[in-house]
């Protein structure tokens, strides 16, 4: 029996990693609990591994130690449901590579590129992908050349959004409507991150599209290596999609399918797949857009989108024919397939 057939036939033991050192710790715990429940519903065994704010890994009351090449708790696959720095940025992925264990989602390089909003936008720009205008601001450059940086930001025209470059879930974001607010917004963002991104305000609807890799046996020339979901529109109170709108039950509405033209919907799916491939993502991603009539621009890509009950990715996948237990199962199977494939290379 080949590796893939053997994987399909077995119940998996999955180590779910949740928590982490970032400010998205609580969101990760909620996402991880939902993944755990989905795996259990699919008949799998789950090992819960919680990463504390201190960075320690614990299974129950026991603090874990690991050995390179020895896997993690004997699990078949690891599902790192981690958001933000020290989890979604390639650090944990590198550790899992060292342990020689299969894991869900993007690898080291694509995780690092995608979480760095400035680097991601530079890559999309080099690839000709349309996106919102932006200015990347390293803290040390702002300290040396504050007037020059403020002039560059002014060229974006107000309002602008000031964001820590490595955080998600709208943590640390400030909307700037008046020029005198810019300095305070930058200082607030630098409290979270040494790299800040300032983005121009975009017109149109906020639309999101999920991407799910296909198993190698299901790929064809026509279908390609990944599935792009039906696009969904995010409708929320207020004038931007903040933390409360994302994680408060009932605070936002997800309209599936998004009420955009068929041509715009196809363009969203096309660009979602292109962003997924350009960044070298594997397994899954959620790509966020602004759609104004027929104009579609990429905002950002999330390599480990939220899996909470109010999160968008799973709803988009369900609307595209992949229910939640099947979704988490497929992601684990894809991880096993990639791990087996990588072992065939002579590095």
Protein backbone atom coordinates (compact mmCIF):
# COMPACT_ATOMS: atom_id res chain seq x y z
CA UNK A 1 0.00 0.00 0.00
CA UNK A 2 1.44 3.43 -0.93
CA UNK A 3 1.80 6.24 1.62
CA UNK A 4 -1.31 8.12 0.49
CA UNK A 5 -3.54 5.02 0.48
CA UNK A 6 -2.22 4.06 3.88
CA UNK A 7 -2.94 7.56 5.22
CA UNK A 8 -6.51 7.48 3.92
CA UNK A 9 -7.17 4.15 5.61
CA UNK A 10 -6.06 5.16 9.08
CA UNK A 11 -7.37 7.15 11.98
CA UNK A 12 -4.87 9.88 12.67
CA UNK A 13 -3.36 11.07 15.91
CA UNK A 14 -3.15 14.85 15.57
CA UNK A 15 -1.29 17.21 17.88
CA UNK A 16 -3.14 20.53 17.90
CA UNK A 17 -0.90 23.47 18.82
CA UNK A 18 -2.73 26.51 20.17
CA UNK A 19 -2.05 29.64 22.18
CA UNK A 20 1.37 31.14 21.55
CA UNK A 21 3.31 34.23 22.57
CA UNK A 22 1.58 36.77 20.32
CA UNK A 23 -1.25 39.14 21.19
CA UNK A 24 -3.54 36.76 19.28
CA UNK A 25 -3.11 34.11 22.01
CA UNK A 26 -6.80 33.94 22.97
CA UNK A 27 -7.94 33.88 19.34
CA UNK A 28 -5.60 30.95 18.74
CA UNK A 29 -7.01 29.04 21.71
CA UNK A 30 -10.52 29.49 20.33
CA UNK A 31 -9.42 28.45 16.84
CA UNK A 32 -7.57 25.44 18.21
CA UNK A 33 -10.59 24.27 20.19
CA UNK A 34 -12.72 24.37 17.04
CA UNK A 35 -10.10 22.39 15.10
CA UNK A 36 -9.92 19.85 17.93
CA UNK A 37 -13.70 19.41 17.85
CA UNK A 38 -13.70 19.02 14.07
CA UNK A 39 -11.01 16.37 14.20
CA UNK A 40 -12.83 14.47 16.93
CA UNK A 41 -16.04 14.63 14.89
CA UNK A 42 -14.09 13.07 12.02
CA UNK A 43 -13.01 10.16 14.22
CA UNK A 44 -9.42 11.20 14.87
CA UNK A 45 -7.46 11.24 18.11
CA UNK A 46 -6.32 14.63 19.35
CA UNK A 47 -3.38 15.62 21.55
CA UNK A 48 -3.81 19.15 22.90
CA UNK A 49 -0.57 21.13 23.14
CA UNK A 50 -0.91 24.63 24.54
CA UNK A 51 1.82 27.19 24.07
CA UNK A 52 1.81 29.67 26.93
CA UNK A 53 2.42 33.38 26.71
CA UNK A 54 5.83 32.55 28.15
CA UNK A 55 6.56 30.39 25.10
CA UNK A 56 6.52 27.09 27.03
CA UNK A 57 4.84 24.09 25.37
CA UNK A 58 2.62 22.04 27.67
CA UNK A 59 0.55 18.91 27.28
CA UNK A 60 -1.81 18.93 30.23
CA UNK A 61 0.22 19.95 33.26
CA UNK A 62 3.44 18.62 31.76
CA UNK A 63 5.96 20.98 30.20
CA UNK A 64 7.22 19.44 26.98
CA UNK A 65 10.76 18.98 25.83
CA UNK A 66 11.50 17.85 22.28
CA UNK A 67 14.32 16.11 20.46
CA UNK A 68 15.30 16.88 16.85
CA UNK A 69 14.19 14.10 14.54
CA UNK A 70 11.94 12.51 17.18
CA UNK A 71 8.55 13.93 16.19
CA UNK A 72 6.06 15.34 18.69
CA UNK A 73 4.31 13.07 21.23
CA UNK A 74 4.13 10.31 18.65
CA UNK A 75 1.57 12.25 16.59
CA UNK A 76 1.06 11.43 12.93
CA UNK A 77 0.63 15.10 12.10
CA UNK A 78 0.72 18.47 13.85
CA UNK A 79 -1.95 21.14 13.31
CA UNK A 80 -0.38 24.47 14.36
CA UNK A 81 -3.45 26.67 14.85
CA UNK A 82 -1.31 29.67 15.72
CA UNK A 83 -1.81 33.29 14.73
CA UNK A 84 0.75 36.06 14.54
CA UNK A 85 4.44 36.16 15.53
CA UNK A 86 6.09 33.10 17.10
CA UNK A 87 3.61 30.79 15.40
CA UNK A 88 2.44 31.92 11.97
CA UNK A 89 5.73 33.50 10.90
CA UNK A 90 7.84 30.41 10.17
CA UNK A 91 9.38 30.03 13.63
CA UNK A 92 7.23 27.09 14.77
CA UNK A 93 7.25 25.68 11.23
CA UNK A 94 11.05 25.59 11.37
CA UNK A 95 10.92 23.79 14.69
CA UNK A 96 8.48 21.22 13.30
CA UNK A 97 10.80 20.68 10.32
CA UNK A 98 13.62 20.01 12.78
CA UNK A 99 11.44 17.50 14.63
CA UNK A 100 10.78 15.75 11.27
CA UNK A 101 7.01 15.67 11.72
CA UNK A 102 4.25 16.33 9.21
CA UNK A 103 2.40 19.60 9.88
CA UNK A 104 -0.55 21.47 8.42
CA UNK A 105 -0.17 24.63 6.39
CA UNK A 106 2.52 26.81 4.88
CA UNK A 107 6.20 26.07 5.28
CA UNK A 108 8.94 28.25 6.74
CA UNK A 109 9.54 30.67 3.88
CA UNK A 110 5.94 31.23 2.82
CA UNK A 111 4.86 31.68 6.44
CA UNK A 112 7.53 34.32 6.99
CA UNK A 113 6.77 36.19 3.76
CA UNK A 114 3.02 36.18 4.20
CA UNK A 115 2.97 37.38 7.81
CA UNK A 116 5.27 40.27 6.95
CA UNK A 117 2.73 42.60 5.34
CA UNK A 118 5.41 44.79 3.75
CA UNK A 119 7.36 41.87 2.28
CA UNK A 120 4.13 40.29 1.03
CA UNK A 121 3.13 43.49 -0.76
CA UNK A 122 6.58 43.85 -2.28
CA UNK A 123 6.32 40.31 -3.64
CA UNK A 124 2.84 40.97 -5.04
CA UNK A 125 4.09 44.21 -6.61
CA UNK A 126 6.99 42.38 -8.27
CA UNK A 127 4.47 39.86 -9.61
CA UNK A 128 2.16 42.55 -11.01
CA UNK A 129 -0.70 41.74 -8.64
CA UNK A 130 -2.97 44.80 -8.11
CA UNK A 131 -3.11 45.98 -4.52
CA UNK A 132 -3.68 48.92 -2.21
CA UNK A 133 -0.99 51.64 -2.19
CA UNK A 134 1.23 51.47 0.89
CA UNK A 135 4.35 52.69 2.67
CA UNK A 136 6.54 50.37 4.74
CA UNK A 137 8.08 52.07 7.78
CA UNK A 138 10.92 50.39 9.71
CA UNK A 139 11.23 51.88 13.19
CA UNK A 140 14.90 52.75 12.80
CA UNK A 141 14.27 54.57 9.51
CA UNK A 142 11.48 56.60 11.07
CA UNK A 143 13.81 57.53 13.94
CA UNK A 144 16.42 58.80 11.45
CA UNK A 145 14.17 60.38 8.80
CA UNK A 146 10.81 61.24 10.36
CA UNK A 147 10.00 64.16 8.03
CA UNK A 148 10.74 62.10 4.92
CA UNK A 149 8.57 59.22 6.13
CA UNK A 150 5.69 61.55 6.99
CA UNK A 151 5.92 63.09 3.50
CA UNK A 152 5.72 59.61 1.93
CA UNK A 153 2.67 58.80 4.05
CA UNK A 154 1.01 62.10 3.08
CA UNK A 155 1.24 61.08 -0.59
CA UNK A 156 -1.18 58.22 0.12
CA UNK A 157 -3.88 60.79 1.01
CA UNK A 158 -6.12 60.50 4.03
CA UNK A 159 -7.62 58.44 5.46
CA UNK A 160 -4.89 55.84 5.91
CA UNK A 161 -4.60 52.73 8.08
CA UNK A 162 -1.49 52.30 10.24
CA UNK A 163 -0.75 48.68 11.10
CA UNK A 164 1.93 46.60 12.84
CA UNK A 165 3.41 44.62 9.93
CA UNK A 166 3.39 41.20 11.62
CA UNK A 167 0.05 41.08 13.42
CA UNK A 168 -3.39 39.92 12.34
CA UNK A 169 -6.93 40.08 13.73
CA UNK A 170 -6.82 43.89 13.36
CA UNK A 171 -4.64 44.11 16.49
CA UNK A 172 -2.90 47.47 16.82
CA UNK A 173 -4.51 49.05 13.75
CA UNK A 174 -5.34 52.76 13.82
CA UNK A 175 -7.36 54.63 11.21
CA UNK A 176 -5.92 58.10 10.61
CA UNK A 177 -8.37 60.74 9.37
CA UNK A 178 -6.30 63.85 10.16
CA UNK A 179 -2.59 64.39 9.53
CA UNK A 180 -1.92 65.36 13.14
CA UNK A 181 -2.96 61.82 14.18
CA UNK A 182 -0.23 60.14 12.11
CA UNK A 183 2.62 60.44 14.60
CA UNK A 184 0.60 58.98 17.48
CA UNK A 185 -0.68 56.16 15.25
CA UNK A 186 2.89 55.25 14.25
CA UNK A 187 4.04 55.26 17.86
CA UNK A 188 1.11 53.02 18.79
CA UNK A 189 1.96 50.54 16.02
CA UNK A 190 5.68 50.56 16.93
CA UNK A 191 4.69 49.43 20.42
CA UNK A 192 3.67 46.14 18.75
CA UNK A 193 6.25 45.79 16.00
CA UNK A 194 9.54 47.23 14.68
CA UNK A 195 8.03 47.33 11.20
CA UNK A 196 4.84 49.23 10.39
CA UNK A 197 2.80 49.42 7.22
CA UNK A 198 0.64 52.40 6.27
CA UNK A 199 -2.05 51.64 3.70
CA UNK A 200 -4.21 53.93 1.63
CA UNK A 201 -7.93 53.61 2.15
CA UNK A 202 -9.57 51.44 -0.50
CA UNK A 203 -13.00 51.83 -2.01
CA UNK A 204 -15.49 49.03 -2.45
CA UNK A 205 -16.62 45.90 -0.67
CA UNK A 206 -14.37 43.77 1.54
CA UNK A 207 -14.34 40.34 -0.07
CA UNK A 208 -12.55 37.20 1.11
CA UNK A 209 -11.70 33.98 -0.70
CA UNK A 210 -10.47 30.72 0.78
CA UNK A 211 -7.86 28.54 -0.92
CA UNK A 212 -7.53 24.82 -0.23
CA UNK A 213 -4.82 22.70 -1.80
CA UNK A 214 -5.88 19.59 -3.69
CA UNK A 215 -4.36 16.18 -2.96
CA UNK A 216 -2.00 15.19 -5.78
CA UNK A 217 -4.34 12.41 -6.92
CA UNK A 218 -7.17 14.93 -7.44
CA UNK A 219 -5.24 17.43 -9.52
CA UNK A 220 -5.71 17.88 -13.23
CA UNK A 221 -4.53 20.31 -15.89
CA UNK A 222 -7.94 21.99 -15.78
CA UNK A 223 -8.43 22.13 -12.00
CA UNK A 224 -4.90 22.99 -10.95
CA UNK A 225 -3.23 22.36 -7.59
CA UNK A 226 -5.73 24.25 -5.40
CA UNK A 227 -9.40 25.12 -5.04
CA UNK A 228 -10.51 28.74 -4.67
CA UNK A 229 -13.75 29.06 -2.74
CA UNK A 230 -16.80 31.02 -3.68
CA UNK A 231 -16.01 34.61 -2.61
CA UNK A 232 -17.81 36.08 0.40
CA UNK A 233 -18.44 39.71 1.33
CA UNK A 234 -17.80 40.98 4.84
CA UNK A 235 -20.48 43.39 6.07
CA UNK A 236 -19.83 45.05 9.42
CA UNK A 237 -20.87 48.01 11.55
CA UNK A 238 -18.67 51.10 11.49
CA UNK A 239 -16.34 52.12 8.71
CA UNK A 240 -13.70 49.39 8.97
CA UNK A 241 -13.35 45.73 9.91
CA UNK A 242 -11.90 45.93 13.43
CA UNK A 243 -11.17 43.29 16.11
CA UNK A 244 -14.65 43.46 17.66
CA UNK A 245 -16.35 43.03 14.31
CA UNK A 246 -14.19 39.96 13.61
CA UNK A 247 -14.62 38.14 16.91
CA UNK A 248 -17.92 39.25 18.44
CA UNK A 249 -20.74 36.87 17.56
CA UNK A 250 -23.26 38.63 15.35
CA UNK A 251 -21.11 41.73 14.85
CA UNK A 252 -20.46 41.04 11.18
CA UNK A 253 -22.39 39.39 8.39
CA UNK A 254 -20.80 37.13 5.79
CA UNK A 255 -22.66 37.19 2.50
CA UNK A 256 -22.04 34.07 0.43
CA UNK A 257 -21.78 34.45 -2.48
CA UNK A 258 -20.52 38.02 -2.45
CA UNK A 259 -22.92 40.31 -4.34
CA UNK A 260 -20.37 41.20 -7.01
CA UNK A 261 -20.41 40.64 -10.75
CA UNK A 262 -19.53 37.20 -12.17
CA UNK A 263 -16.43 38.71 -13.79
CA UNK A 264 -15.28 40.26 -10.50
CA UNK A 265 -15.90 36.97 -8.67
CA UNK A 266 -13.77 35.08 -11.19
CA UNK A 267 -11.05 37.71 -10.86
CA UNK A 268 -11.10 37.30 -7.06
CA UNK A 269 -10.63 33.54 -7.40
CA UNK A 270 -7.91 33.97 -10.01
CA UNK A 271 -5.93 36.41 -7.86
CA UNK A 272 -6.44 34.29 -4.73
CA UNK A 273 -4.83 31.33 -6.46
CA UNK A 274 -2.04 33.50 -7.87
CA UNK A 275 -1.21 34.96 -4.45
CA UNK A 276 -1.27 31.43 -2.98
CA UNK A 277 1.15 30.14 -5.61
CA UNK A 278 3.43 33.22 -5.67
CA UNK A 279 4.03 33.00 -1.93
CA UNK A 280 4.64 29.27 -2.08
CA UNK A 281 1.77 28.49 0.28
CA UNK A 282 0.68 24.94 0.98
CA UNK A 283 -2.46 23.48 2.49
CA UNK A 284 -4.65 26.52 2.98
CA UNK A 285 -4.87 30.29 2.93
CA UNK A 286 -7.43 33.06 3.01
CA UNK A 287 -6.90 35.99 0.66
CA UNK A 288 -8.59 39.32 1.36
CA UNK A 289 -9.65 41.82 -1.32
CA UNK A 290 -11.34 45.11 -1.99
CA UNK A 291 -13.79 45.00 -4.89
CA UNK A 292 -15.12 48.20 -6.43
CA UNK A 293 -17.25 47.38 -9.46
CA UNK A 294 -14.95 45.42 -11.75
CA UNK A 295 -11.79 46.61 -9.99
CA UNK A 296 -10.27 43.95 -7.70
CA UNK A 297 -7.22 44.58 -5.50
CA UNK A 298 -5.49 42.23 -3.08
CA UNK A 299 -5.20 43.36 0.53
CA UNK A 300 -3.40 40.50 2.33
CA UNK A 301 -3.02 36.73 2.65
CA UNK A 302 -3.40 34.68 5.84
CA UNK A 303 -1.60 31.33 5.95
CA UNK A 304 -3.50 30.21 9.05
CA UNK A 305 -6.88 31.96 9.00
CA UNK A 306 -9.08 31.88 12.05
CA UNK A 307 -11.01 28.68 12.73
CA UNK A 308 -13.33 30.07 15.40
CA UNK A 309 -17.11 29.65 15.09
CA UNK A 310 -17.34 33.23 13.71
CA UNK A 311 -14.37 32.87 11.34
CA UNK A 312 -14.80 33.17 7.60
CA UNK A 313 -12.52 30.53 6.09
CA UNK A 314 -14.48 27.44 7.15
CA UNK A 315 -17.77 29.04 6.07
CA UNK A 316 -16.37 29.78 2.63
CA UNK A 317 -15.11 26.22 2.29
CA UNK A 318 -18.44 24.76 3.42
CA UNK A 319 -20.23 26.87 0.83
CA UNK A 320 -17.80 25.45 -1.72
CA UNK A 321 -18.62 21.84 -0.84
CA UNK A 322 -16.09 21.07 1.92
CA UNK A 323 -17.76 20.69 5.36
CA UNK A 324 -15.72 21.35 8.49
CA UNK A 325 -14.75 17.78 9.52
CA UNK A 326 -13.75 17.01 5.92
CA UNK A 327 -11.78 20.26 5.79
CA UNK A 328 -9.59 19.58 8.83
CA UNK A 329 -9.20 15.96 7.74
CA UNK A 330 -8.02 16.99 4.26
CA UNK A 331 -5.52 19.44 5.71
CA UNK A 332 -3.99 16.68 7.81
CA UNK A 333 -3.85 14.32 4.81
CA UNK A 334 -2.16 17.03 2.75
CA UNK A 335 0.42 17.48 5.50
CA UNK A 336 1.21 13.76 5.47
CA UNK A 337 1.46 13.77 1.69
CA UNK A 338 3.89 16.70 1.68
CA UNK A 339 6.02 15.15 4.44
CA UNK A 340 6.30 11.89 2.52
CA UNK A 341 7.14 13.76 -0.69
CA UNK A 342 9.88 15.82 0.98
CA UNK A 343 11.52 12.68 2.33
CA UNK A 344 12.05 11.51 -1.25
CA UNK A 345 14.39 14.42 -2.01
CA UNK A 346 18.14 14.16 -1.52
CA UNK A 347 18.84 17.50 0.07
